């Protein structure tokens, strides 16, 4: 079996998710047990020469995320997506030996490939890119890194992008710069992006449910519901983390028909100073133009129009070794709702 195929299958079996951004300084104080200088407790899972199978996995804190059955993931406003695979610590020297030797002994991957791998990881050390006895002389001084597939992305073509052979990273050192998918604070931030959940965008309308032709319908979103949400992703073993935050910035209204006028004309309602969007209708405002809303020019007949409300969320992150917020692509999340539009009935006497 070719190396790429073998490693992809191995990665698919251990699917995990993470987010991060990298700066060399973010790694300087990481210790083998996952703690950082100044920490009072270790957060890693290592005893002797045993590395947890999930040691390189990302741990997510979703306590400040959106919740509820109507909450959903944002869609990037660009073609960008969080990584479908990444590299992180997976083996100690002893664990790598225990993983590779049964593969070689089974001879299922071909004698030539097995020999090349033995010369790379077990019998090397005299030339660059080769190692002696799985780097056992460096036990407690680093880890073997391998690929993981982001949870939920197993069928994504991008899950096949991580084809680099297993490689060694010394304790406290950053992963090689030529591996863009290596877990760093930035990668963690990107993976946290995929975990963001925002509330439903069903807007409040007045009149509610059924409106009239040529009657301005007011639309708004409550500030208490549309507040920033965030997810923190960390790799305890490395002592790195990143927090990705999404903040609502605008609401786009699509009336569901060309026979309508939106307020404002662009259909995009900006967020207010109090973080609400639009303005609730109140008695005495019947003759006013709503700051956010729609006016239908034709009846929906026996049916209804599908009004779509889409909120744009500004997304940014910060993390280990990063002293200012950094931007990620905006995200959107929308929902449809039925709006019945009736003709205004008049009575002639």
C-alpha atoms as a PDB file:
ATOM      1  CA  UNK A   1       0.000   0.000   0.000  1.00  0.00           C
ATOM      2  CA  UNK A   2       1.472   3.419  -0.917  1.00  0.00           C
ATOM      3  CA  UNK A   3       2.496   5.588   2.013  1.00  0.00           C
ATOM      4  CA  UNK A   4      -0.072   8.278   1.225  1.00  0.00           C
ATOM      5  CA  UNK A   5      -2.943   5.787   1.243  1.00  0.00           C
ATOM      6  CA  UNK A   6      -1.752   4.169   4.451  1.00  0.00           C
ATOM      7  CA  UNK A   7      -1.460   7.486   6.262  1.00  0.00           C
ATOM      8  CA  UNK A   8      -4.812   8.750   5.056  1.00  0.00           C
ATOM      9  CA  UNK A   9      -6.525   5.626   6.357  1.00  0.00           C
ATOM     10  CA  UNK A  10      -4.698   5.970   9.647  1.00  0.00           C
ATOM     11  CA  UNK A  11      -5.725   9.601   9.941  1.00  0.00           C
ATOM     12  CA  UNK A  12      -9.359   8.870   9.158  1.00  0.00           C
ATOM     13  CA  UNK A  13      -9.457   6.395  12.007  1.00  0.00           C
ATOM     14  CA  UNK A  14      -8.432   9.062  14.498  1.00  0.00           C
ATOM     15  CA  UNK A  15     -10.584  12.059  13.634  1.00  0.00           C
ATOM     16  CA  UNK A  16     -10.339  15.176  15.747  1.00  0.00           C
ATOM     17  CA  UNK A  17     -10.834  18.931  15.532  1.00  0.00           C
ATOM     18  CA  UNK A  18      -8.732  21.988  16.395  1.00  0.00           C
ATOM     19  CA  UNK A  19      -7.891  25.636  15.735  1.00  0.00           C
ATOM     20  CA  UNK A  20      -4.616  27.705  15.998  1.00  0.00           C
ATOM     21  CA  UNK A  21      -2.160  30.486  14.884  1.00  0.00           C
ATOM     22  CA  UNK A  22       1.558  30.232  15.103  1.00  0.00           C
ATOM     23  CA  UNK A  23       4.380  32.371  16.334  1.00  0.00           C
ATOM     24  CA  UNK A  24       7.705  30.856  17.454  1.00  0.00           C
ATOM     25  CA  UNK A  25       7.292  32.482  20.870  1.00  0.00           C
ATOM     26  CA  UNK A  26       4.073  30.566  21.428  1.00  0.00           C
ATOM     27  CA  UNK A  27       6.064  27.354  21.798  1.00  0.00           C
ATOM     28  CA  UNK A  28       8.998  28.475  23.892  1.00  0.00           C
ATOM     29  CA  UNK A  29       7.566  27.588  27.305  1.00  0.00           C
ATOM     30  CA  UNK A  30       5.688  24.401  26.410  1.00  0.00           C
ATOM     31  CA  UNK A  31       6.739  21.396  28.482  1.00  0.00           C
ATOM     32  CA  UNK A  32       6.394  17.650  27.790  1.00  0.00           C
ATOM     33  CA  UNK A  33       3.498  17.192  30.208  1.00  0.00           C
ATOM     34  CA  UNK A  34       1.465  19.910  28.519  1.00  0.00           C
ATOM     35  CA  UNK A  35       1.963  22.535  31.210  1.00  0.00           C
ATOM     36  CA  UNK A  36       3.525  25.948  30.705  1.00  0.00           C
ATOM     37  CA  UNK A  37       6.026  27.791  32.862  1.00  0.00           C
ATOM     38  CA  UNK A  38       4.107  29.323  35.718  1.00  0.00           C
ATOM     39  CA  UNK A  39       1.204  26.850  35.552  1.00  0.00           C
ATOM     40  CA  UNK A  40       0.277  25.229  38.829  1.00  0.00           C
ATOM     41  CA  UNK A  41      -1.147  22.094  37.233  1.00  0.00           C
ATOM     42  CA  UNK A  42      -0.261  20.060  34.165  1.00  0.00           C
ATOM     43  CA  UNK A  43      -2.963  19.672  31.539  1.00  0.00           C
ATOM     44  CA  UNK A  44      -1.310  17.004  29.415  1.00  0.00           C
ATOM     45  CA  UNK A  45      -1.761  13.252  29.666  1.00  0.00           C
ATOM     46  CA  UNK A  46       1.643  11.635  29.749  1.00  0.00           C
ATOM     47  CA  UNK A  47       3.028   9.099  32.192  1.00  0.00           C
ATOM     48  CA  UNK A  48       6.556   7.910  31.666  1.00  0.00           C
ATOM     49  CA  UNK A  49       6.826   7.085  27.974  1.00  0.00           C
ATOM     50  CA  UNK A  50       3.068   6.870  27.423  1.00  0.00           C
ATOM     51  CA  UNK A  51       1.422   9.517  25.294  1.00  0.00           C
ATOM     52  CA  UNK A  52      -2.365   9.659  25.261  1.00  0.00           C
ATOM     53  CA  UNK A  53      -3.907   8.789  21.890  1.00  0.00           C
ATOM     54  CA  UNK A  54      -5.725  12.129  22.103  1.00  0.00           C
ATOM     55  CA  UNK A  55      -2.723  14.144  23.228  1.00  0.00           C
ATOM     56  CA  UNK A  56      -2.495  16.107  20.005  1.00  0.00           C
ATOM     57  CA  UNK A  57      -6.219  16.624  19.749  1.00  0.00           C
ATOM     58  CA  UNK A  58      -7.855  19.955  20.187  1.00  0.00           C
ATOM     59  CA  UNK A  59     -10.048  20.501  23.242  1.00  0.00           C
ATOM     60  CA  UNK A  60     -12.920  22.944  22.752  1.00  0.00           C
ATOM     61  CA  UNK A  61     -14.527  25.220  25.324  1.00  0.00           C
ATOM     62  CA  UNK A  62     -18.013  26.017  23.997  1.00  0.00           C
ATOM     63  CA  UNK A  63     -19.403  27.591  27.173  1.00  0.00           C
ATOM     64  CA  UNK A  64     -19.754  30.966  25.433  1.00  0.00           C
ATOM     65  CA  UNK A  65     -21.064  29.580  22.160  1.00  0.00           C
ATOM     66  CA  UNK A  66     -24.568  29.949  20.753  1.00  0.00           C
ATOM     67  CA  UNK A  67     -26.957  27.183  21.762  1.00  0.00           C
ATOM     68  CA  UNK A  68     -30.445  25.859  21.212  1.00  0.00           C
ATOM     69  CA  UNK A  69     -32.065  23.836  18.452  1.00  0.00           C
ATOM     70  CA  UNK A  70     -32.247  26.834  16.125  1.00  0.00           C
ATOM     71  CA  UNK A  71     -28.538  27.687  16.429  1.00  0.00           C
ATOM     72  CA  UNK A  72     -26.353  26.904  13.439  1.00  0.00           C
ATOM     73  CA  UNK A  73     -22.877  27.158  11.940  1.00  0.00           C
ATOM     74  CA  UNK A  74     -21.890  30.222   9.972  1.00  0.00           C
ATOM     75  CA  UNK A  75     -20.978  30.062   6.288  1.00  0.00           C
ATOM     76  CA  UNK A  76     -17.847  31.908   5.252  1.00  0.00           C
ATOM     77  CA  UNK A  77     -18.465  34.866   2.964  1.00  0.00           C
ATOM     78  CA  UNK A  78     -15.397  33.820   0.945  1.00  0.00           C
ATOM     79  CA  UNK A  79     -14.267  30.504  -0.515  1.00  0.00           C
ATOM     80  CA  UNK A  80     -12.141  29.910   2.590  1.00  0.00           C
ATOM     81  CA  UNK A  81     -12.938  26.995   4.903  1.00  0.00           C
ATOM     82  CA  UNK A  82     -11.263  25.787   8.119  1.00  0.00           C
ATOM     83  CA  UNK A  83      -8.666  23.035   7.553  1.00  0.00           C
ATOM     84  CA  UNK A  84     -10.007  19.522   7.050  1.00  0.00           C
ATOM     85  CA  UNK A  85      -6.811  17.967   8.395  1.00  0.00           C
ATOM     86  CA  UNK A  86      -3.902  19.040  10.541  1.00  0.00           C
ATOM     87  CA  UNK A  87      -0.683  17.803  12.126  1.00  0.00           C
ATOM     88  CA  UNK A  88      -0.148  17.483  15.854  1.00  0.00           C
ATOM     89  CA  UNK A  89       1.754  15.282  18.331  1.00  0.00           C
ATOM     90  CA  UNK A  90       0.624  11.670  18.141  1.00  0.00           C
ATOM     91  CA  UNK A  91       3.401   9.326  19.290  1.00  0.00           C
ATOM     92  CA  UNK A  92       6.242   8.988  21.756  1.00  0.00           C
ATOM     93  CA  UNK A  93       9.271   7.075  20.388  1.00  0.00           C
ATOM     94  CA  UNK A  94       7.998   3.846  21.956  1.00  0.00           C
ATOM     95  CA  UNK A  95       4.505   4.390  20.584  1.00  0.00           C
ATOM     96  CA  UNK A  96       5.753   5.015  17.062  1.00  0.00           C
ATOM     97  CA  UNK A  97       7.713   1.777  17.214  1.00  0.00           C
ATOM     98  CA  UNK A  98       4.638  -0.076  18.477  1.00  0.00           C
ATOM     99  CA  UNK A  99       2.586   1.430  15.653  1.00  0.00           C
ATOM    100  CA  UNK A 100       4.979   0.819  12.726  1.00  0.00           C
ATOM    101  CA  UNK A 101       6.552  -2.538  13.506  1.00  0.00           C
ATOM    102  CA  UNK A 102       3.319  -4.584  13.149  1.00  0.00           C
ATOM    103  CA  UNK A 103       2.760  -2.924   9.759  1.00  0.00           C
ATOM    104  CA  UNK A 104       6.242  -3.882   8.606  1.00  0.00           C
ATOM    105  CA  UNK A 105       5.969  -7.420   9.974  1.00  0.00           C
ATOM    106  CA  UNK A 106       2.658  -7.979   8.179  1.00  0.00           C
ATOM    107  CA  UNK A 107       4.419  -7.133   4.882  1.00  0.00           C
ATOM    108  CA  UNK A 108       1.127  -5.752   3.590  1.00  0.00           C
ATOM    109  CA  UNK A 109       2.778  -2.572   2.377  1.00  0.00           C
ATOM    110  CA  UNK A 110       5.520  -4.155   0.286  1.00  0.00           C
ATOM    111  CA  UNK A 111       9.083  -5.155   1.173  1.00  0.00           C
ATOM    112  CA  UNK A 112      10.639  -2.123  -0.503  1.00  0.00           C
ATOM    113  CA  UNK A 113       8.401   0.338   1.344  1.00  0.00           C
ATOM    114  CA  UNK A 114       8.956  -1.457   4.644  1.00  0.00           C
ATOM    115  CA  UNK A 115      12.730  -1.278   4.175  1.00  0.00           C
ATOM    116  CA  UNK A 116      12.580   2.429   3.331  1.00  0.00           C
ATOM    117  CA  UNK A 117      10.560   3.094   6.453  1.00  0.00           C
ATOM    118  CA  UNK A 118      12.914   1.070   8.659  1.00  0.00           C
ATOM    119  CA  UNK A 119      15.854   2.987   7.273  1.00  0.00           C
ATOM    120  CA  UNK A 120      14.046   6.246   7.928  1.00  0.00           C
ATOM    121  CA  UNK A 121      12.774   5.706  11.471  1.00  0.00           C
ATOM    122  CA  UNK A 122      14.820   2.861  12.954  1.00  0.00           C
ATOM    123  CA  UNK A 123      18.150   2.370  11.185  1.00  0.00           C
ATOM    124  CA  UNK A 124      18.970   5.947  10.176  1.00  0.00           C
ATOM    125  CA  UNK A 125      20.398   8.920  11.982  1.00  0.00           C
ATOM    126  CA  UNK A 126      23.420   9.624   9.831  1.00  0.00           C
ATOM    127  CA  UNK A 127      21.605  11.596   7.129  1.00  0.00           C
ATOM    128  CA  UNK A 128      19.031  14.363   7.310  1.00  0.00           C
ATOM    129  CA  UNK A 129      15.442  13.172   7.534  1.00  0.00           C
ATOM    130  CA  UNK A 130      16.367   9.804   9.060  1.00  0.00           C
ATOM    131  CA  UNK A 131      16.362   8.693  12.696  1.00  0.00           C
ATOM    132  CA  UNK A 132      17.933   6.029  14.877  1.00  0.00           C
ATOM    133  CA  UNK A 133      15.732   3.686  16.938  1.00  0.00           C
ATOM    134  CA  UNK A 134      12.666   5.959  16.635  1.00  0.00           C
ATOM    135  CA  UNK A 135      14.502   8.769  18.489  1.00  0.00           C
ATOM    136  CA  UNK A 136      14.332   6.866  21.765  1.00  0.00           C
ATOM    137  CA  UNK A 137      17.318   8.823  23.012  1.00  0.00           C
ATOM    138  CA  UNK A 138      15.039  11.896  22.868  1.00  0.00           C
ATOM    139  CA  UNK A 139      12.236  10.436  24.970  1.00  0.00           C
ATOM    140  CA  UNK A 140      10.695  13.278  27.062  1.00  0.00           C
ATOM    141  CA  UNK A 141      12.333  15.781  24.699  1.00  0.00           C
ATOM    142  CA  UNK A 142       9.724  15.885  21.956  1.00  0.00           C
ATOM    143  CA  UNK A 143       7.063  14.006  20.024  1.00  0.00           C
ATOM    144  CA  UNK A 144       6.398  12.361  16.699  1.00  0.00           C
ATOM    145  CA  UNK A 145       3.771  14.366  14.799  1.00  0.00           C
ATOM    146  CA  UNK A 146       1.256  12.848  12.398  1.00  0.00           C
ATOM    147  CA  UNK A 147      -1.940  13.927  10.672  1.00  0.00           C
ATOM    148  CA  UNK A 148      -5.438  14.099  12.121  1.00  0.00           C
ATOM    149  CA  UNK A 149      -8.678  14.598  10.201  1.00  0.00           C
ATOM    150  CA  UNK A 150     -10.969  17.294  11.560  1.00  0.00           C
ATOM    151  CA  UNK A 151     -14.085  15.767  13.059  1.00  0.00           C
ATOM    152  CA  UNK A 152     -16.994  15.948  10.641  1.00  0.00           C
ATOM    153  CA  UNK A 153     -14.726  16.460   7.607  1.00  0.00           C
ATOM    154  CA  UNK A 154     -13.860  12.802   6.963  1.00  0.00           C
ATOM    155  CA  UNK A 155     -15.434  12.830   3.484  1.00  0.00           C
ATOM    156  CA  UNK A 156     -14.033  16.204   2.517  1.00  0.00           C
ATOM    157  CA  UNK A 157     -11.426  16.157  -0.308  1.00  0.00           C
ATOM    158  CA  UNK A 158      -9.278  18.392   1.889  1.00  0.00           C
ATOM    159  CA  UNK A 159      -8.952  15.537   4.370  1.00  0.00           C
ATOM    160  CA  UNK A 160      -6.488  13.992   1.899  1.00  0.00           C
ATOM    161  CA  UNK A 161      -4.193  17.033   1.867  1.00  0.00           C
ATOM    162  CA  UNK A 162      -2.056  15.988   4.837  1.00  0.00           C
ATOM    163  CA  UNK A 163       0.329  13.555   3.159  1.00  0.00           C
ATOM    164  CA  UNK A 164       3.616  14.412   4.876  1.00  0.00           C
ATOM    165  CA  UNK A 165       5.339  11.422   6.518  1.00  0.00           C
ATOM    166  CA  UNK A 166       5.445  11.260  10.320  1.00  0.00           C
ATOM    167  CA  UNK A 167       7.998  13.792  11.575  1.00  0.00           C
ATOM    168  CA  UNK A 168       9.742  14.720  14.816  1.00  0.00           C
ATOM    169  CA  UNK A 169       9.437  18.048  16.679  1.00  0.00           C
ATOM    170  CA  UNK A 170      11.652  18.813  19.673  1.00  0.00           C
ATOM    171  CA  UNK A 171      10.048  20.019  22.881  1.00  0.00           C
ATOM    172  CA  UNK A 172       9.445  23.776  22.825  1.00  0.00           C
ATOM    173  CA  UNK A 173      10.183  24.078  19.114  1.00  0.00           C
ATOM    174  CA  UNK A 174       7.685  25.217  16.500  1.00  0.00           C
ATOM    175  CA  UNK A 175       6.747  22.705  13.783  1.00  0.00           C
ATOM    176  CA  UNK A 176       8.439  23.133  10.375  1.00  0.00           C
ATOM    177  CA  UNK A 177       7.402  26.335   8.617  1.00  0.00           C
ATOM    178  CA  UNK A 178       6.686  24.490   5.355  1.00  0.00           C
ATOM    179  CA  UNK A 179       3.727  22.626   6.901  1.00  0.00           C
ATOM    180  CA  UNK A 180       0.762  25.033   6.823  1.00  0.00           C
ATOM    181  CA  UNK A 181      -1.557  22.533   8.518  1.00  0.00           C
ATOM    182  CA  UNK A 182       0.686  22.088  11.581  1.00  0.00           C
ATOM    183  CA  UNK A 183      -1.285  22.938  14.700  1.00  0.00           C
ATOM    184  CA  UNK A 184      -0.515  26.454  15.865  1.00  0.00           C
ATOM    185  CA  UNK A 185      -2.647  29.150  17.529  1.00  0.00           C
ATOM    186  CA  UNK A 186      -3.784  30.300  14.068  1.00  0.00           C
ATOM    187  CA  UNK A 187      -4.815  26.812  12.990  1.00  0.00           C
ATOM    188  CA  UNK A 188      -6.620  26.444  16.310  1.00  0.00           C
ATOM    189  CA  UNK A 189      -8.491  29.678  15.635  1.00  0.00           C
ATOM    190  CA  UNK A 190      -9.540  28.411  12.228  1.00  0.00           C
ATOM    191  CA  UNK A 191     -10.790  25.133  13.675  1.00  0.00           C
ATOM    192  CA  UNK A 192     -12.655  27.012  16.398  1.00  0.00           C
ATOM    193  CA  UNK A 193     -14.338  28.936  13.576  1.00  0.00           C
ATOM    194  CA  UNK A 194     -15.976  25.688  12.450  1.00  0.00           C
ATOM    195  CA  UNK A 195     -17.337  25.174  15.975  1.00  0.00           C
ATOM    196  CA  UNK A 196     -19.022  28.592  16.198  1.00  0.00           C
ATOM    197  CA  UNK A 197     -22.816  28.398  16.515  1.00  0.00           C
ATOM    198  CA  UNK A 198     -25.049  31.454  16.218  1.00  0.00           C
ATOM    199  CA  UNK A 199     -28.752  31.901  17.003  1.00  0.00           C
ATOM    200  CA  UNK A 200     -31.564  31.662  14.497  1.00  0.00           C
ATOM    201  CA  UNK A 201     -32.125  34.744  12.362  1.00  0.00           C
ATOM    202  CA  UNK A 202     -35.906  34.637  12.463  1.00  0.00           C
ATOM    203  CA  UNK A 203     -36.796  38.302  12.798  1.00  0.00           C
ATOM    204  CA  UNK A 204     -39.646  39.847  14.718  1.00  0.00           C
ATOM    205  CA  UNK A 205     -42.168  41.516  12.429  1.00  0.00           C
ATOM    206  CA  UNK A 206     -44.982  44.012  12.905  1.00  0.00           C
ATOM    207  CA  UNK A 207     -47.563  43.275  11.652  1.00  0.00           C
ATOM    208  CA  UNK A 208     -46.723  39.704  12.625  1.00  0.00           C
ATOM    209  CA  UNK A 209     -47.498  36.726  10.380  1.00  0.00           C
ATOM    210  CA  UNK A 210     -49.873  38.519   8.016  1.00  0.00           C
ATOM    211  CA  UNK A 211     -49.369  41.989   6.596  1.00  0.00           C
ATOM    212  CA  UNK A 212     -51.087  44.137   3.984  1.00  0.00           C
ATOM    213  CA  UNK A 213     -50.133  45.345   0.517  1.00  0.00           C
ATOM    214  CA  UNK A 214     -48.363  48.732   0.642  1.00  0.00           C
ATOM    215  CA  UNK A 215     -48.168  48.624   4.438  1.00  0.00           C
ATOM    216  CA  UNK A 216     -44.603  49.016   5.809  1.00  0.00           C
ATOM    217  CA  UNK A 217     -43.686  45.995   7.917  1.00  0.00           C
ATOM    218  CA  UNK A 218     -41.210  46.653  10.693  1.00  0.00           C
ATOM    219  CA  UNK A 219     -38.412  44.130  11.329  1.00  0.00           C
ATOM    220  CA  UNK A 220     -35.969  43.849  14.229  1.00  0.00           C
ATOM    221  CA  UNK A 221     -33.700  41.539  16.198  1.00  0.00           C
ATOM    222  CA  UNK A 222     -33.340  41.685  19.978  1.00  0.00           C
ATOM    223  CA  UNK A 223     -29.972  42.804  21.342  1.00  0.00           C
ATOM    224  CA  UNK A 224     -30.214  40.263  24.169  1.00  0.00           C
ATOM    225  CA  UNK A 225     -30.345  37.436  21.633  1.00  0.00           C
ATOM    226  CA  UNK A 226     -27.790  38.723  19.171  1.00  0.00           C
ATOM    227  CA  UNK A 227     -24.671  39.123  21.220  1.00  0.00           C
ATOM    228  CA  UNK A 228     -21.104  37.960  20.522  1.00  0.00           C
ATOM    229  CA  UNK A 229     -20.360  34.237  20.821  1.00  0.00           C
ATOM    230  CA  UNK A 230     -16.990  32.541  21.080  1.00  0.00           C
ATOM    231  CA  UNK A 231     -15.229  29.186  21.146  1.00  0.00           C
ATOM    232  CA  UNK A 232     -11.792  28.482  22.603  1.00  0.00           C
ATOM    233  CA  UNK A 233      -9.649  25.691  21.176  1.00  0.00           C
ATOM    234  CA  UNK A 234      -6.520  24.423  22.877  1.00  0.00           C
ATOM    235  CA  UNK A 235      -3.958  21.649  22.673  1.00  0.00           C
ATOM    236  CA  UNK A 236      -3.190  20.923  26.345  1.00  0.00           C
ATOM    237  CA  UNK A 237      -0.072  18.938  25.550  1.00  0.00           C
ATOM    238  CA  UNK A 238       1.537  21.945  23.870  1.00  0.00           C
ATOM    239  CA  UNK A 239       0.093  24.666  26.094  1.00  0.00           C
ATOM    240  CA  UNK A 240      -1.313  26.637  23.154  1.00  0.00           C
ATOM    241  CA  UNK A 241      -4.815  27.953  22.566  1.00  0.00           C
ATOM    242  CA  UNK A 242      -6.917  30.368  20.529  1.00  0.00           C
ATOM    243  CA  UNK A 243     -10.308  31.976  21.031  1.00  0.00           C
ATOM    244  CA  UNK A 244     -12.464  32.752  17.999  1.00  0.00           C
ATOM    245  CA  UNK A 245     -15.267  35.290  18.455  1.00  0.00           C
ATOM    246  CA  UNK A 246     -18.221  36.118  16.200  1.00  0.00           C
ATOM    247  CA  UNK A 247     -20.080  39.426  16.531  1.00  0.00           C
ATOM    248  CA  UNK A 248     -23.281  40.340  14.619  1.00  0.00           C
ATOM    249  CA  UNK A 249     -22.824  43.385  12.375  1.00  0.00           C
ATOM    250  CA  UNK A 250     -25.768  43.526   9.975  1.00  0.00           C
ATOM    251  CA  UNK A 251     -29.043  41.946   8.829  1.00  0.00           C
ATOM    252  CA  UNK A 252     -29.891  41.373   5.171  1.00  0.00           C
ATOM    253  CA  UNK A 253     -33.580  41.072   4.280  1.00  0.00           C
ATOM    254  CA  UNK A 254     -34.704  39.271   1.135  1.00  0.00           C
ATOM    255  CA  UNK A 255     -38.519  39.680   0.839  1.00  0.00           C
ATOM    256  CA  UNK A 256     -38.893  36.545  -1.261  1.00  0.00           C
ATOM    257  CA  UNK A 257     -40.377  38.441  -4.225  1.00  0.00           C
ATOM    258  CA  UNK A 258     -39.403  41.268  -6.569  1.00  0.00           C
ATOM    259  CA  UNK A 259     -42.735  42.939  -5.805  1.00  0.00           C
ATOM    260  CA  UNK A 260     -41.460  44.522  -2.626  1.00  0.00           C
ATOM    261  CA  UNK A 261     -39.504  47.472  -1.275  1.00  0.00           C
ATOM    262  CA  UNK A 262     -36.972  47.087   1.550  1.00  0.00           C
ATOM    263  CA  UNK A 263     -35.947  49.551   4.245  1.00  0.00           C
ATOM    264  CA  UNK A 264     -33.277  50.656   3.757  1.00  0.00           C
ATOM    265  CA  UNK A 265     -33.291  50.261  -0.025  1.00  0.00           C
ATOM    266  CA  UNK A 266     -30.232  47.998   0.073  1.00  0.00           C
ATOM    267  CA  UNK A 267     -32.069  45.566   2.333  1.00  0.00           C
ATOM    268  CA  UNK A 268     -29.111  45.615   4.739  1.00  0.00           C
ATOM    269  CA  UNK A 269     -29.853  46.846   8.263  1.00  0.00           C
ATOM    270  CA  UNK A 270     -26.801  47.807  10.306  1.00  0.00           C
ATOM    271  CA  UNK A 271     -26.417  46.971  13.966  1.00  0.00           C
ATOM    272  CA  UNK A 272     -27.390  49.676  16.462  1.00  0.00           C
ATOM    273  CA  UNK A 273     -25.232  51.043  19.270  1.00  0.00           C
ATOM    274  CA  UNK A 274     -27.032  48.792  21.759  1.00  0.00           C
ATOM    275  CA  UNK A 275     -26.277  45.743  19.545  1.00  0.00           C
ATOM    276  CA  UNK A 276     -29.887  45.382  18.418  1.00  0.00           C
ATOM    277  CA  UNK A 277     -30.843  45.453  14.739  1.00  0.00           C
ATOM    278  CA  UNK A 278     -33.816  47.462  13.509  1.00  0.00           C
ATOM    279  CA  UNK A 279     -36.417  48.957  15.824  1.00  0.00           C
ATOM    280  CA  UNK A 280     -39.540  47.414  17.401  1.00  0.00           C
ATOM    281  CA  UNK A 281     -42.826  48.831  16.209  1.00  0.00           C
ATOM    282  CA  UNK A 282     -44.788  50.855  18.782  1.00  0.00           C
ATOM    283  CA  UNK A 283     -48.103  52.653  18.812  1.00  0.00           C
ATOM    284  CA  UNK A 284     -47.902  56.018  17.102  1.00  0.00           C
ATOM    285  CA  UNK A 285     -45.374  54.897  14.466  1.00  0.00           C
ATOM    286  CA  UNK A 286     -47.929  53.935  11.818  1.00  0.00           C
ATOM    287  CA  UNK A 287     -46.980  56.884   9.599  1.00  0.00           C
ATOM    288  CA  UNK A 288     -43.223  56.464  10.058  1.00  0.00           C
ATOM    289  CA  UNK A 289     -40.808  54.616   7.760  1.00  0.00           C
ATOM    290  CA  UNK A 290     -39.205  51.676   9.586  1.00  0.00           C
ATOM    291  CA  UNK A 291     -35.390  51.816   9.827  1.00  0.00           C
ATOM    292  CA  UNK A 292     -35.415  48.109   8.970  1.00  0.00           C
ATOM    293  CA  UNK A 293     -38.270  46.356   7.219  1.00  0.00           C
ATOM    294  CA  UNK A 294     -40.154  45.622   4.012  1.00  0.00           C
ATOM    295  CA  UNK A 295     -43.225  46.764   2.114  1.00  0.00           C
ATOM    296  CA  UNK A 296     -44.935  44.267  -0.175  1.00  0.00           C
ATOM    297  CA  UNK A 297     -46.525  45.625  -3.357  1.00  0.00           C
ATOM    298  CA  UNK A 298     -48.539  42.561  -4.299  1.00  0.00           C
ATOM    299  CA  UNK A 299     -50.665  40.037  -2.429  1.00  0.00           C
ATOM    300  CA  UNK A 300     -49.274  36.563  -1.817  1.00  0.00           C
ATOM    301  CA  UNK A 301     -52.682  35.128  -2.711  1.00  0.00           C
ATOM    302  CA  UNK A 302     -53.577  31.933  -0.921  1.00  0.00           C
ATOM    303  CA  UNK A 303     -49.952  31.305   0.001  1.00  0.00           C
ATOM    304  CA  UNK A 304     -47.132  33.309   1.518  1.00  0.00           C
ATOM    305  CA  UNK A 305     -43.778  34.780   0.615  1.00  0.00           C
ATOM    306  CA  UNK A 306     -40.570  33.279   1.996  1.00  0.00           C
ATOM    307  CA  UNK A 307     -38.800  36.166   3.681  1.00  0.00           C
ATOM    308  CA  UNK A 308     -35.151  35.329   4.282  1.00  0.00           C
ATOM    309  CA  UNK A 309     -33.241  37.102   7.034  1.00  0.00           C
ATOM    310  CA  UNK A 310     -29.451  36.650   6.988  1.00  0.00           C
ATOM    311  CA  UNK A 311     -27.149  38.016   9.657  1.00  0.00           C
ATOM    312  CA  UNK A 312     -23.499  38.743   8.878  1.00  0.00           C
ATOM    313  CA  UNK A 313     -21.071  38.008  11.715  1.00  0.00           C
ATOM    314  CA  UNK A 314     -17.644  39.619  11.987  1.00  0.00           C
ATOM    315  CA  UNK A 315     -15.193  36.958  13.132  1.00  0.00           C
ATOM    316  CA  UNK A 316     -11.814  37.479  14.767  1.00  0.00           C
ATOM    317  CA  UNK A 317      -9.459  35.621  17.064  1.00  0.00           C
ATOM    318  CA  UNK A 318      -6.623  35.919  19.507  1.00  0.00           C
ATOM    319  CA  UNK A 319      -4.422  33.299  21.101  1.00  0.00           C
ATOM    320  CA  UNK A 320      -1.100  32.214  22.548  1.00  0.00           C
ATOM    321  CA  UNK A 321       1.661  34.600  21.508  1.00  0.00           C
ATOM    322  CA  UNK A 322      -0.792  36.999  19.820  1.00  0.00           C
ATOM    323  CA  UNK A 323      -1.188  40.435  21.387  1.00  0.00           C
ATOM    324  CA  UNK A 324      -3.954  41.800  19.157  1.00  0.00           C
ATOM    325  CA  UNK A 325      -7.105  40.554  17.478  1.00  0.00           C
ATOM    326  CA  UNK A 326      -6.694  39.029  14.040  1.00  0.00           C
ATOM    327  CA  UNK A 327      -9.419  38.734  11.448  1.00  0.00           C
ATOM    328  CA  UNK A 328     -10.985  35.657   9.912  1.00  0.00           C
ATOM    329  CA  UNK A 329     -13.496  35.760   7.031  1.00  0.00           C
ATOM    330  CA  UNK A 330     -16.952  37.048   7.931  1.00  0.00           C
ATOM    331  CA  UNK A 331     -19.646  34.411   8.348  1.00  0.00           C
ATOM    332  CA  UNK A 332     -23.370  34.417   7.594  1.00  0.00           C
ATOM    333  CA  UNK A 333     -26.346  32.517   8.932  1.00  0.00           C
ATOM    334  CA  UNK A 334     -29.903  32.868   7.639  1.00  0.00           C
ATOM    335  CA  UNK A 335     -33.403  31.512   8.018  1.00  0.00           C
ATOM    336  CA  UNK A 336     -36.664  31.653   6.074  1.00  0.00           C
ATOM    337  CA  UNK A 337     -40.052  32.569   7.477  1.00  0.00           C
ATOM    338  CA  UNK A 338     -43.522  32.748   5.957  1.00  0.00           C
ATOM    339  CA  UNK A 339     -45.110  36.140   5.427  1.00  0.00           C
ATOM    340  CA  UNK A 340     -48.704  36.229   4.158  1.00  0.00           C
ATOM    341  CA  UNK A 341     -49.621  39.442   2.331  1.00  0.00           C
ATOM    342  CA  UNK A 342     -53.252  40.396   1.859  1.00  0.00           C
ATOM    343  CA  UNK A 343     -54.964  43.090  -0.175  1.00  0.00           C
ATOM    344  CA  UNK A 344     -56.449  45.878   1.892  1.00  0.00           C
ATOM    345  CA  UNK A 345     -60.198  45.431   1.731  1.00  0.00           C
ATOM    346  CA  UNK A 346     -62.310  48.569   1.346  1.00  0.00           C
ATOM    347  CA  UNK A 347     -66.087  48.909   1.679  1.00  0.00           C
ATOM    348  CA  UNK A 348     -67.973  51.293  -0.616  1.00  0.00           C
ATOM    349  CA  UNK A 349     -71.265  52.695   0.743  1.00  0.00           C
END
